[in-house]
Amino acid sequence: MRPVKLALGTVQFGLSYGIANRRGQVGLEQARAIVSVARSNGLDTIDTAIAYGQSEATLGQLDLTDFKLITKLPALPDGCTDVRGWVEMQLAGSFERLGCSSIHAVLLHRPEQLLGWQGATLYRTLNELKRQGLVEKIGVSIYEPQELDRLFDDMHFDLVQAPFNLLDTRLMDSGWLQRLPALGCELHVRSVFMQGLLLMPVAERPIKFSRWTPLWRDWDDWLQASELTPVQACLRHALAFGEISRVVVGVDSAQQLEEIVQAASGELPEIPSTLRSNDPDLLNPSRWNQL
């Protein structure tokens, strides 16, 4: 089966994650069912991280044959003097939990540390992992595109994961959407549903987001006029960009993944220019607790 551009995100396998999450953490049998649905629908990439609670350990109990596995290293501890030893220990732990001896890619969850006093050593260590064949690709997971401006000055990465959705045009506006493929760097995007915020009906949308009421009104009106569900609109928008290699989606049930796969195909009407925001308070979920 030809691989599809969707990738399975598994933060819900290890944590109760997402503003719209009503089911909590995914159990082992549901995780097994989700992976089965992913395989049968041509998904070939699974995204996880050490910081995702029990996610790696849960995945390690499943049949992951033929899947490309991507994990992420947490922040390098303050004052760490043995960067190489720390990285090797973290990756060895991931391999043990995942039940494998190599993976497709390892990303940094805190790429700004590459610009710090241990950055050069950290970068060399990541490249050494690749030379040893432990990982095929190295990369970074970012929150905003301007992080890439300084990182790519002196370093090269094989893979970048970044937020991207109908409201968040920063990758396009910054030029990095086009630059990354030109540099030979694979681009994966996440947050296409904004942790489920874009899928919420008006009555369920938390009141703290009412400051963007005009934007939500335009969003709801456009969906109604287009006769699209929020899931259809969000997925078809991200999948339409040829520069994007994989669109990472997290789910809490096999049925939800089936619905996502079905919603991904189809036409997408022109998106109004009003459906965009540059407000980091909205676009960065780490700020939502302060709203």
Protein backbone atom coordinates (compact mmCIF):
# COMPACT_ATOMS: atom_id res chain seq x y z
CA MET A 1 0.00 0.00 0.00
CA ARG A 2 1.27 3.46 -0.88
CA PRO A 3 2.14 5.45 2.28
CA VAL A 4 -0.14 8.38 3.04
CA LYS A 5 1.05 11.75 4.34
CA LEU A 6 -0.58 11.26 7.72
CA ALA A 7 1.64 10.21 10.64
CA LEU A 8 0.41 8.84 13.95
CA GLY A 9 1.17 11.03 16.95
CA THR A 10 1.16 9.11 20.22
CA VAL A 11 1.27 11.62 23.06
CA GLN A 12 -2.18 10.30 24.07
CA PHE A 13 -0.62 6.84 24.48
CA GLY A 14 1.29 8.16 27.47
CA LEU A 15 -0.56 11.21 28.77
CA SER A 16 -4.05 12.65 29.06
CA TYR A 17 -3.34 15.29 26.44
CA GLY A 18 -5.24 17.94 24.52
CA ILE A 19 -7.72 20.67 25.41
CA ALA A 20 -10.54 18.67 23.81
CA ASN A 21 -9.54 15.30 25.31
CA ARG A 22 -12.49 13.73 27.13
CA ARG A 23 -11.25 10.11 27.30
CA GLY A 24 -7.91 10.53 29.05
CA GLN A 25 -4.86 8.41 28.31
CA VAL A 26 -5.19 5.65 25.72
CA GLY A 27 -5.00 2.13 27.14
CA LEU A 28 -2.91 -0.68 25.68
CA GLU A 29 -5.68 -2.47 23.78
CA GLN A 30 -7.01 0.75 22.27
CA ALA A 31 -3.44 1.67 21.31
CA ARG A 32 -3.12 -1.72 19.60
CA ALA A 33 -6.33 -1.07 17.68
CA ILE A 34 -5.16 2.41 16.66
CA VAL A 35 -1.85 1.09 15.32
CA SER A 36 -3.73 -1.62 13.41
CA VAL A 37 -5.96 0.99 11.77
CA ALA A 38 -2.91 3.11 10.96
CA ARG A 39 -1.21 0.16 9.25
CA SER A 40 -4.28 -0.85 7.28
CA ASN A 41 -4.69 2.70 5.98
CA GLY A 42 -1.12 3.12 4.78
CA LEU A 43 0.32 5.27 7.57
CA ASP A 44 4.02 4.46 7.88
CA THR A 45 5.31 6.88 10.53
CA ILE A 46 4.80 6.95 14.32
CA ASP A 47 5.82 9.99 16.36
CA THR A 48 6.58 9.78 20.08
CA ALA A 49 8.88 11.35 22.69
CA ILE A 50 10.57 10.51 25.95
CA ALA A 51 8.51 13.27 27.56
CA TYR A 52 5.22 11.62 26.53
CA GLY A 53 4.81 9.63 29.74
CA GLN A 54 4.26 5.94 29.00
CA SER A 55 4.01 6.39 25.23
CA GLU A 56 7.28 4.67 24.31
CA ALA A 57 6.62 1.81 26.75
CA THR A 58 3.13 1.30 25.33
CA LEU A 59 4.42 1.31 21.76
CA GLY A 60 7.06 -1.24 22.74
CA GLN A 61 4.29 -3.75 23.50
CA LEU A 62 2.85 -3.44 19.99
CA ASP A 63 3.77 -4.76 16.57
CA LEU A 64 5.55 -1.82 14.94
CA THR A 65 6.94 -3.76 11.99
CA ASP A 66 7.46 -1.53 8.92
CA PHE A 67 6.71 1.71 10.82
CA LYS A 68 9.24 4.54 10.86
CA LEU A 69 9.70 5.55 14.50
CA ILE A 70 10.51 9.10 15.56
CA THR A 71 11.26 10.05 19.15
CA LYS A 72 12.46 13.24 20.84
CA LEU A 73 15.06 13.92 23.50
CA PRO A 74 14.06 16.05 26.49
CA ALA A 75 16.00 19.11 27.63
CA LEU A 76 19.67 18.59 28.40
CA PRO A 77 20.00 18.94 32.20
CA ASP A 78 21.53 22.15 33.48
CA GLY A 79 25.25 21.76 34.10
CA CYS A 80 25.53 18.45 32.22
CA THR A 81 29.23 17.88 31.53
CA ASP A 82 28.93 14.57 29.66
CA VAL A 83 26.63 15.50 26.81
CA ARG A 84 27.49 12.47 24.69
CA GLY A 85 26.96 10.08 27.59
CA TRP A 86 23.62 11.70 28.45
CA VAL A 87 22.35 11.51 24.85
CA GLU A 88 23.45 7.90 24.48
CA MET A 89 21.77 6.98 27.77
CA GLN A 90 18.51 8.69 26.74
CA LEU A 91 18.45 6.96 23.37
CA ALA A 92 19.33 3.58 24.90
CA GLY A 93 16.35 4.02 27.23
CA SER A 94 14.10 4.77 24.26
CA PHE A 95 15.36 1.69 22.41
CA GLU A 96 14.69 -0.48 25.46
CA ARG A 97 11.14 0.87 25.91
CA LEU A 98 10.37 0.69 22.18
CA GLY A 99 11.93 -2.75 21.78
CA CYS A 100 14.20 -1.76 18.89
CA SER A 101 17.88 -1.16 18.13
CA SER A 102 17.52 1.77 15.71
CA ILE A 103 14.88 4.32 14.72
CA HIS A 104 14.05 6.55 11.78
CA ALA A 105 14.74 9.86 13.52
CA VAL A 106 15.57 11.54 16.80
CA LEU A 107 14.56 15.16 17.36
CA LEU A 108 15.39 17.69 20.06
CA HIS A 109 12.43 18.93 22.10
CA ARG A 110 14.52 21.95 23.18
CA PRO A 111 16.52 22.89 20.07
CA GLU A 112 17.51 26.28 21.52
CA GLN A 113 20.04 24.34 23.59
CA LEU A 114 22.04 23.88 20.39
CA LEU A 115 22.83 27.59 20.66
CA GLY A 116 24.11 27.30 24.24
CA TRP A 117 27.50 26.47 25.68
CA GLN A 118 27.10 22.73 25.07
CA GLY A 119 25.43 23.16 21.69
CA ALA A 120 28.37 22.18 19.51
CA THR A 121 28.89 18.98 21.49
CA LEU A 122 25.19 18.17 21.34
CA TYR A 123 25.13 18.64 17.58
CA ARG A 124 28.24 16.49 17.08
CA THR A 125 26.72 13.76 19.23
CA LEU A 126 23.51 13.70 17.17
CA ASN A 127 25.53 13.35 13.98
CA GLU A 128 27.56 10.56 15.56
CA LEU A 129 24.33 8.66 16.24
CA LYS A 130 23.57 8.91 12.54
CA ARG A 131 27.05 7.75 11.55
CA GLN A 132 26.65 4.75 13.83
CA GLY A 133 23.37 3.83 12.12
CA LEU A 134 21.35 4.19 15.33
CA VAL A 135 19.17 6.85 13.71
CA GLU A 136 18.60 7.60 10.05
CA LYS A 137 17.78 11.27 10.58
CA ILE A 138 18.38 13.99 13.16
CA GLY A 139 16.27 17.08 13.64
CA VAL A 140 14.41 19.54 15.82
CA SER A 141 10.86 20.09 17.04
CA ILE A 142 10.13 23.81 17.10
CA TYR A 143 7.37 26.10 18.37
CA GLU A 144 7.89 29.00 15.96
CA PRO A 145 9.77 29.33 12.64
CA GLN A 146 12.16 32.07 13.76
CA GLU A 147 13.92 29.41 15.83
CA LEU A 148 15.21 28.04 12.52
CA ASP A 149 16.90 31.31 11.51
CA ARG A 150 19.81 30.84 13.92
CA LEU A 151 19.87 27.04 13.96
CA PHE A 152 20.41 26.71 10.20
CA ASP A 153 23.21 29.29 10.18
CA ASP A 154 25.80 26.69 11.19
CA MET A 155 23.91 23.40 11.33
CA HIS A 156 22.01 21.08 9.02
CA PHE A 157 19.04 18.94 9.99
CA ASP A 158 17.31 16.14 8.15
CA LEU A 159 13.89 16.69 9.70
CA VAL A 160 11.97 19.58 11.27
CA GLN A 161 8.64 19.25 13.06
CA ALA A 162 6.65 22.46 13.39
CA PRO A 163 3.13 23.66 14.24
CA PHE A 164 0.93 24.40 11.24
CA ASN A 165 -2.80 24.90 10.78
CA LEU A 166 -5.42 27.02 9.06
CA LEU A 167 -4.94 29.90 11.48
CA ASP A 168 -1.15 29.62 11.76
CA THR A 169 0.58 30.85 8.60
CA ARG A 170 3.98 31.55 10.20
CA LEU A 171 5.77 28.81 8.26
CA MET A 172 4.57 30.32 5.00
CA ASP A 173 5.10 33.94 6.01
CA SER A 174 8.67 33.26 7.19
CA GLY A 175 9.61 31.45 3.97
CA TRP A 176 10.66 28.31 5.84
CA LEU A 177 7.89 26.23 4.27
CA GLN A 178 9.73 26.51 0.95
CA ARG A 179 13.28 26.74 2.31
CA LEU A 180 13.31 23.49 4.25
CA PRO A 181 12.69 21.16 1.28
CA ALA A 182 15.19 23.21 -0.74
CA LEU A 183 17.79 22.50 1.96
CA GLY A 184 17.05 18.77 1.78
CA CYS A 185 15.17 18.83 5.07
CA GLU A 186 11.99 16.84 5.59
CA LEU A 187 9.09 18.81 7.10
CA HIS A 188 6.52 17.28 9.44
CA VAL A 189 3.74 19.42 10.88
CA ARG A 190 1.65 19.04 14.01
CA SER A 191 -1.16 20.96 15.74
CA VAL A 192 -3.37 20.93 12.65
CA PHE A 193 -6.35 20.75 15.03
CA MET A 194 -4.71 23.02 17.65
CA GLN A 195 -5.10 20.22 20.24
CA GLY A 196 -8.76 19.97 19.25
CA LEU A 197 -9.55 23.66 19.73
CA LEU A 198 -10.44 24.03 16.05
CA LEU A 199 -12.82 21.08 16.30
CA MET A 200 -14.87 22.40 19.22
CA PRO A 201 -18.42 23.62 18.68
CA VAL A 202 -19.18 27.12 19.94
CA ALA A 203 -20.86 25.88 23.12
CA GLU A 204 -17.80 23.84 24.15
CA ARG A 205 -15.08 26.35 23.31
CA PRO A 206 -13.54 27.56 26.61
CA ILE A 207 -14.50 31.10 27.52
CA LYS A 208 -10.85 32.12 27.82
CA PHE A 209 -10.67 32.02 24.03
CA SER A 210 -13.51 34.55 23.67
CA ARG A 211 -10.96 37.29 23.04
CA TRP A 212 -10.75 35.90 19.50
CA THR A 213 -14.54 35.84 18.99
CA PRO A 214 -14.44 37.55 15.54
CA LEU A 215 -12.00 34.91 14.32
CA TRP A 216 -14.18 32.05 15.62
CA ARG A 217 -17.22 33.63 13.98
CA ASP A 218 -15.44 33.75 10.61
CA TRP A 219 -14.27 30.15 11.12
CA ASP A 220 -17.76 28.85 11.91
CA ASP A 221 -19.35 30.84 9.08
CA TRP A 222 -16.83 29.59 6.52
CA LEU A 223 -17.30 25.96 7.60
CA GLN A 224 -21.05 26.29 7.25
CA ALA A 225 -20.80 27.96 3.84
CA SER A 226 -18.27 25.39 2.63
CA GLU A 227 -20.28 22.44 3.97
CA LEU A 228 -17.13 21.05 5.55
CA THR A 229 -16.58 19.56 8.97
CA PRO A 230 -13.73 21.12 10.99
CA VAL A 231 -11.76 17.88 10.66
CA GLN A 232 -12.08 17.91 6.87
CA ALA A 233 -11.03 21.54 6.60
CA CYS A 234 -8.02 21.22 8.92
CA LEU A 235 -6.66 18.06 7.32
CA ARG A 236 -7.20 19.00 3.70
CA HIS A 237 -5.49 22.34 4.25
CA ALA A 238 -2.29 20.80 5.66
CA LEU A 239 -2.21 17.89 3.22
CA ALA A 240 -2.50 20.24 0.24
CA PHE A 241 1.06 21.54 0.67
CA GLY A 242 3.59 19.54 -1.29
CA GLU A 243 6.40 20.84 0.91
CA ILE A 244 4.96 18.95 3.89
CA SER A 245 6.06 15.31 4.08
CA ARG A 246 3.90 14.19 7.03
CA VAL A 247 0.97 15.61 8.97
CA VAL A 248 1.09 14.30 12.54
CA VAL A 249 -2.32 13.55 14.06
CA GLY A 250 -3.00 12.31 17.57
CA VAL A 251 -6.10 10.27 18.37
CA ASP A 252 -7.64 8.60 21.40
CA SER A 253 -9.50 5.81 19.59
CA ALA A 254 -9.30 3.62 16.49
CA GLN A 255 -12.64 4.99 15.34
CA GLN A 256 -11.29 8.53 15.54
CA LEU A 257 -8.35 7.59 13.31
CA GLU A 258 -10.71 5.95 10.80
CA GLU A 259 -12.74 9.18 10.69
CA ILE A 260 -9.60 11.25 10.18
CA VAL A 261 -8.42 9.08 7.29
CA GLN A 262 -11.84 9.35 5.63
CA ALA A 263 -11.97 13.13 6.16
CA ALA A 264 -8.54 13.72 4.63
CA SER A 265 -9.57 13.24 1.00
CA GLY A 266 -11.61 15.76 -0.93
CA GLU A 267 -11.79 19.32 -2.15
CA LEU A 268 -10.97 22.40 -0.09
CA PRO A 269 -12.63 25.69 -1.05
CA GLU A 270 -10.64 28.92 -0.97
CA ILE A 271 -9.84 29.99 2.58
CA PRO A 272 -10.77 33.58 3.53
CA SER A 273 -7.81 35.83 4.33
CA THR A 274 -9.46 36.66 7.66
CA LEU A 275 -8.85 33.10 8.88
CA ARG A 276 -5.35 33.65 10.21
CA SER A 277 -3.66 34.90 13.35
CA ASN A 278 -0.18 35.99 14.37
CA ASP A 279 -1.05 36.13 18.07
CA PRO A 280 1.33 33.83 20.00
CA ASP A 281 -1.17 33.69 22.88
CA LEU A 282 -3.48 31.76 20.57
CA LEU A 283 -0.99 29.89 18.41
CA ASN A 284 1.25 28.56 21.20
CA PRO A 285 -0.65 26.13 23.47
CA SER A 286 2.00 26.53 26.18
CA ARG A 287 0.53 30.00 26.78
CA TRP A 288 -3.07 28.85 27.17
CA ASN A 289 -2.79 28.29 30.90
CA GLN A 290 -2.05 32.00 31.31
CA LEU A 291 -5.13 33.16 29.40
